[in-house]
Each structure stands twice: as structure tokens, then as C-alpha cells.
């Protein structure tokens, strides 16, 4: 069994226990997913970066679609994240790693960062609506503000029922200077439900099995890895 992943079989009576174990182990390793086959996989950890052994890393063709971006459209490196707003590991990447990537690479025009949705609805029941909320905010040019609000306040809405979470999202948009009536109508109508699911399907077709998953010029990085892992790959791509 690989040291950076743990797969635990689930029976009907073990589901709750496996979920707790996955959360605890995953906290240290960087990401997880419960897949349709009934196993919980914990991934991430301090894996060596792809290509660190001198071999050419494999690349996957992943579309940026028309999803929200940060950085220059002319950047040499495109970094696509498939993420889940309710995922604690995605929250860890947001708070611990993204700020340094943004400072060193996105703000300097070296990296175009693309955010795509991959809500793990079976274990994160509010993730789908959170993704839709960000899309509705994007409609008014407020995606980044909502993105940050959702992650910064993850503990406040993640444990609520769906109606409670939606109410929180409507509260958050008030501070962003958006048209509240337009946002509420957008979110309540499910206008971007299919758009979010398209992201999920595109991710699954690209081999995404958990969150967060990244593609840096097509090179896959799984889990909330430390900044050094992203830096090595980005620098290698920039040097070409």
C-alpha cells in the first residue's frame, strides 16, 4: 500500500467509523474522497513532486472552461484547481498555500489560476449550493469575494442543514456590495446547478478522484500539498 494513501473498506455498520478515521488521517495527509464503489481514500501527504525522480511527468489535457480566474491570461503556466468549498483540505490550501502562490506567481503574471468546482455532495451536503453561490456572485463580478467568504467562514455554515447554509450565503453577499435580490433569485432558482455539475463531470473525466486536485500545465498534484511542491513544478514549467 502506498504510504501517501489509505483505502478503507466500508460495510453498512462501518460507514460512520470509516468516515471519522478518514477525517483524522486525512487531516495530516491532505485530502480525501468517498468514491461510488464504497471505499474511503485518503490522499495527499508529503509526496515527491511529479518528475522529481528525473522522469518526465505525465500530463492531462484539462479545459479551463469559462470558470473564474486569477492572474494574467498571458501567463506561461496555467494552474487549474478542482475544489469543494466544504472540504477542510481545500480550506487548508486556501489559507496556508494559496496566499504564497498568489504573491509569488499570480500577482506577478507568471501563473493563471483557474477555479473549478468538484462538490463531493455525498459527504459535503452543502458543497453544491456553496458552488452555486460563488457562481451567482461571479455573475455580478463578485466571485473572488464570495470564494474568500465561503472558505474563511467554512466552520460557520458547513455543519448547517441546506436551508441554513443558503441563508448564510445570502448574508455573506450583503458585505460584497452585490445586488441581493438578483443574487437570491439566482441561488434559489438553481441557475448554475448544471454549470457546477459540468465542472464535476469534466474533473471526473480528467481523473479527479478527490479534493483538492490541481493540474499545473496538465501535471496533476493531489491534496493540500505544501507550497514547496507547487513551487518546484511551477518553476520547472517557467524555466522551459
Protein backbone atom coordinates (compact mmCIF):
# COMPACT_ATOMS: atom_id res chain seq x y z
CA UNK A 1 0.00 0.00 0.00
CA UNK A 2 1.38 3.44 -0.92
CA UNK A 3 2.49 5.50 2.05
CA UNK A 4 0.60 8.56 0.84
CA UNK A 5 -2.80 6.95 0.55
CA UNK A 6 -5.02 4.80 2.71
CA UNK A 7 -8.06 2.94 1.45
CA UNK A 8 -10.53 1.55 3.97
CA UNK A 9 -13.30 -0.87 3.05
CA UNK A 10 -16.76 0.06 4.34
CA UNK A 11 -19.64 -2.14 5.34
CA UNK A 12 -23.03 -0.86 6.32
CA UNK A 13 -22.18 -0.83 10.01
CA UNK A 14 -18.71 0.71 9.46
CA UNK A 15 -19.65 3.81 7.50
CA UNK A 16 -19.59 6.23 10.43
CA UNK A 17 -16.37 4.84 11.85
CA UNK A 18 -14.61 4.92 8.49
CA UNK A 19 -15.69 8.49 7.89
CA UNK A 20 -14.21 9.61 11.23
CA UNK A 21 -10.98 7.73 10.57
CA UNK A 22 -10.76 9.30 7.11
CA UNK A 23 -11.13 12.77 8.55
CA UNK A 24 -8.48 12.24 11.22
CA UNK A 25 -5.93 10.63 8.90
CA UNK A 26 -6.78 12.97 6.07
CA UNK A 27 -6.11 16.00 8.26
CA UNK A 28 -2.44 15.04 8.23
CA UNK A 29 -2.26 13.75 4.68
CA UNK A 30 -4.06 16.44 2.73
CA UNK A 31 -7.22 15.21 1.00
CA UNK A 32 -9.88 12.54 0.72
CA UNK A 33 -12.86 11.25 -1.23
CA UNK A 34 -15.51 8.61 -0.69
CA UNK A 35 -15.98 7.08 -4.10
CA UNK A 36 -19.02 5.35 -5.61
CA UNK A 37 -17.51 1.90 -5.05
CA UNK A 38 -17.81 2.27 -1.29
CA UNK A 39 -14.26 2.95 -0.23
CA UNK A 40 -12.79 5.93 1.53
CA UNK A 41 -9.47 7.04 0.10
CA UNK A 42 -7.21 9.45 1.93
CA UNK A 43 -4.63 11.09 -0.31
CA UNK A 44 -2.09 13.86 -0.26
CA UNK A 45 0.80 13.95 2.16
CA UNK A 46 4.40 14.82 1.52
CA UNK A 47 4.69 13.09 -1.83
CA UNK A 48 7.68 13.94 -4.01
CA UNK A 49 6.63 16.34 -6.78
CA UNK A 50 5.83 14.77 -10.17
CA UNK A 51 9.05 14.48 -12.13
CA UNK A 52 11.25 14.77 -9.03
CA UNK A 53 12.95 11.47 -9.91
CA UNK A 54 14.15 12.87 -13.21
CA UNK A 55 11.44 11.29 -15.36
CA UNK A 56 9.09 13.44 -17.38
CA UNK A 57 5.80 13.86 -15.51
CA UNK A 58 2.65 12.75 -17.27
CA UNK A 59 0.25 15.45 -18.38
CA UNK A 60 -3.52 15.51 -18.63
CA UNK A 61 -5.48 17.69 -21.03
CA UNK A 62 -7.82 19.72 -18.80
CA UNK A 63 -10.00 22.55 -20.02
CA UNK A 64 -10.21 25.80 -18.09
CA UNK A 65 -13.75 26.13 -19.45
CA UNK A 66 -15.18 29.57 -18.69
CA UNK A 67 -14.59 29.35 -14.95
CA UNK A 68 -13.33 32.11 -12.64
CA UNK A 69 -9.65 33.01 -12.92
CA UNK A 70 -6.98 34.97 -11.11
CA UNK A 71 -3.92 36.30 -12.87
CA UNK A 72 -2.85 37.10 -16.40
CA UNK A 73 -4.44 35.38 -19.37
CA UNK A 74 -0.97 35.50 -20.97
CA UNK A 75 0.73 33.61 -18.13
CA UNK A 76 3.09 30.83 -19.16
CA UNK A 77 1.69 28.49 -16.50
CA UNK A 78 -1.98 27.60 -16.07
CA UNK A 79 -2.92 26.10 -12.70
CA UNK A 80 -6.41 24.58 -12.51
CA UNK A 81 -7.85 23.65 -9.11
CA UNK A 82 -10.80 21.29 -8.71
CA UNK A 83 -12.17 22.17 -5.31
CA UNK A 84 -15.04 21.79 -2.85
CA UNK A 85 -15.96 24.78 -0.66
CA UNK A 86 -16.94 22.47 2.20
CA UNK A 87 -13.76 20.37 2.03
CA UNK A 88 -11.45 21.11 5.00
CA UNK A 89 -8.37 20.28 2.94
CA UNK A 90 -9.42 22.79 0.28
CA UNK A 91 -9.81 25.26 3.12
CA UNK A 92 -6.28 24.43 4.26
CA UNK A 93 -4.90 25.09 0.78
CA UNK A 94 -6.81 28.38 0.65
CA UNK A 95 -5.46 29.63 3.98
CA UNK A 96 -1.95 28.17 4.03
CA UNK A 97 -0.71 27.84 0.45
CA UNK A 98 -2.73 29.95 -1.99
CA UNK A 99 -1.57 33.29 -0.47
CA UNK A 100 2.08 32.48 -1.23
CA UNK A 101 1.27 31.21 -4.74
CA UNK A 102 -0.72 34.37 -5.34
CA UNK A 103 2.07 36.63 -4.10
CA UNK A 104 4.90 34.95 -5.98
CA UNK A 105 3.24 33.79 -9.17
CA UNK A 106 -0.33 35.00 -9.76
CA UNK A 107 0.17 38.68 -8.91
CA UNK A 108 3.41 38.74 -10.91
CA UNK A 109 1.71 37.48 -14.07
CA UNK A 110 3.51 34.13 -14.13
CA UNK A 111 0.52 31.90 -13.33
CA UNK A 112 -3.10 31.96 -14.40
CA UNK A 113 -5.13 30.31 -11.64
CA UNK A 114 -8.46 28.71 -12.59
CA UNK A 115 -11.03 27.57 -10.04
CA UNK A 116 -13.35 24.71 -11.00
CA UNK A 117 -15.99 23.08 -8.80
CA UNK A 118 -15.86 19.47 -7.63
CA UNK A 119 -18.50 19.22 -4.86
CA UNK A 120 -18.36 15.90 -3.00
CA UNK A 121 -22.05 16.02 -2.23
CA UNK A 122 -22.22 12.56 -0.65
CA UNK A 123 -20.13 13.75 2.29
CA UNK A 124 -20.46 17.54 1.92
CA UNK A 125 -24.20 18.21 1.53
CA UNK A 126 -23.76 22.00 1.32
CA UNK A 127 -20.93 21.97 -1.22
CA UNK A 128 -23.17 22.08 -4.29
CA UNK A 129 -25.10 25.15 -3.10
CA UNK A 130 -21.89 26.83 -1.99
CA UNK A 131 -20.51 26.38 -5.50
CA UNK A 132 -23.72 27.78 -6.96
CA UNK A 133 -23.47 30.76 -4.60
CA UNK A 134 -19.99 31.53 -5.92
CA UNK A 135 -21.28 31.29 -9.49
CA UNK A 136 -24.14 33.65 -8.70
CA UNK A 137 -21.65 36.08 -7.19
CA UNK A 138 -19.47 35.76 -10.30
CA UNK A 139 -22.47 36.90 -12.33
CA UNK A 140 -22.04 40.28 -10.62
CA UNK A 141 -18.24 40.30 -10.67
CA UNK A 142 -18.05 39.26 -7.01
CA UNK A 143 -16.69 35.72 -7.32
CA UNK A 144 -13.41 36.34 -5.51
CA UNK A 145 -15.16 37.95 -2.58
CA UNK A 146 -17.61 35.06 -2.23
CA UNK A 147 -14.84 32.49 -2.71
CA UNK A 148 -12.93 34.01 0.19
CA UNK A 149 -16.04 34.41 2.36
CA UNK A 150 -17.00 30.77 1.91
CA UNK A 151 -13.58 29.47 2.89
CA UNK A 152 -12.98 31.98 5.69
CA UNK A 153 -16.35 31.12 7.24
CA UNK A 154 -16.39 27.40 6.40
CA UNK A 155 -16.91 26.36 10.03
CA UNK A 156 -19.97 28.61 10.30
CA UNK A 157 -22.01 27.03 7.51
CA UNK A 158 -20.56 23.56 6.86
CA UNK A 159 -22.48 21.93 9.69
CA UNK A 160 -25.84 23.53 8.97
CA UNK A 161 -28.72 21.98 7.07
CA UNK A 162 -29.06 23.09 3.47
CA UNK A 163 -31.56 25.85 4.18
CA UNK A 164 -29.38 27.23 6.96
CA UNK A 165 -26.31 27.24 4.74
CA UNK A 166 -28.16 29.03 1.94
CA UNK A 167 -29.27 31.68 4.43
CA UNK A 168 -25.62 32.18 5.40
CA UNK A 169 -24.61 32.60 1.77
CA UNK A 170 -27.26 35.28 1.37
CA UNK A 171 -25.86 37.05 4.42
CA UNK A 172 -22.34 36.97 3.03
CA UNK A 173 -23.30 38.60 -0.26
CA UNK A 174 -24.56 41.66 1.60
CA UNK A 175 -20.99 42.62 2.50
CA UNK A 176 -19.81 42.28 -1.10
CA UNK A 177 -21.85 45.14 -2.48
CA UNK A 178 -23.80 42.89 -4.81
CA UNK A 179 -27.44 43.19 -5.79
CA UNK A 180 -29.01 41.00 -3.10
CA UNK A 181 -32.30 40.43 -4.90
CA UNK A 182 -30.52 39.28 -8.05
CA UNK A 183 -28.24 37.00 -6.04
CA UNK A 184 -31.08 35.47 -4.03
CA UNK A 185 -33.12 34.81 -7.16
CA UNK A 186 -30.12 33.24 -8.86
CA UNK A 187 -29.32 30.96 -5.92
CA UNK A 188 -32.93 29.92 -5.24
CA UNK A 189 -33.57 29.08 -8.88
CA UNK A 190 -30.62 26.71 -9.17
CA UNK A 191 -29.48 28.66 -12.23
CA UNK A 192 -25.92 27.33 -12.06
CA UNK A 193 -26.65 23.80 -10.89
CA UNK A 194 -25.79 22.33 -14.29
CA UNK A 195 -22.70 24.51 -14.62
CA UNK A 196 -21.34 23.18 -11.32
CA UNK A 197 -22.12 19.61 -12.34
CA UNK A 198 -20.34 20.18 -15.66
CA UNK A 199 -17.21 21.10 -13.73
CA UNK A 200 -17.60 17.93 -11.70
CA UNK A 201 -18.00 15.81 -14.83
CA UNK A 202 -15.01 17.42 -16.52
CA UNK A 203 -12.94 16.77 -13.41
CA UNK A 204 -14.03 13.15 -13.20
CA UNK A 205 -13.21 12.66 -16.89
CA UNK A 206 -9.74 14.07 -16.22
CA UNK A 207 -9.23 11.54 -13.44
CA UNK A 208 -10.01 13.71 -10.44
CA UNK A 209 -10.97 11.47 -7.53
CA UNK A 210 -10.76 13.81 -4.55
CA UNK A 211 -10.31 17.37 -3.42
CA UNK A 212 -8.32 19.43 -3.79
CA UNK A 213 -6.77 18.30 -7.07
CA UNK A 214 -4.62 20.57 -9.24
CA UNK A 215 -3.34 20.49 -12.80
CA UNK A 216 -0.29 22.68 -13.42
CA UNK A 217 0.13 22.82 -17.20
CA UNK A 218 -1.53 19.42 -17.11
CA UNK A 219 0.68 17.96 -14.34
CA UNK A 220 -1.56 16.56 -11.59
CA UNK A 221 -0.98 17.37 -7.93
CA UNK A 222 -3.34 15.79 -5.40
CA UNK A 223 -4.08 17.04 -1.91
CA UNK A 224 -3.30 20.15 0.11
CA UNK A 225 0.41 19.90 -0.55
CA UNK A 226 2.90 22.38 0.93
CA UNK A 227 3.92 25.44 -1.07
CA UNK A 228 7.29 23.88 -1.89
CA UNK A 229 5.63 21.19 -4.04
CA UNK A 230 3.77 23.75 -6.15
CA UNK A 231 6.84 25.99 -6.34
CA UNK A 232 9.05 23.24 -7.74
CA UNK A 233 6.62 22.34 -10.51
CA UNK A 234 5.78 25.95 -11.39
CA UNK A 235 9.45 26.93 -11.51
CA UNK A 236 10.21 23.95 -13.75
CA UNK A 237 7.45 24.99 -16.11
CA UNK A 238 8.55 28.63 -16.14
CA UNK A 239 12.13 27.60 -16.94
CA UNK A 240 11.12 25.88 -20.18
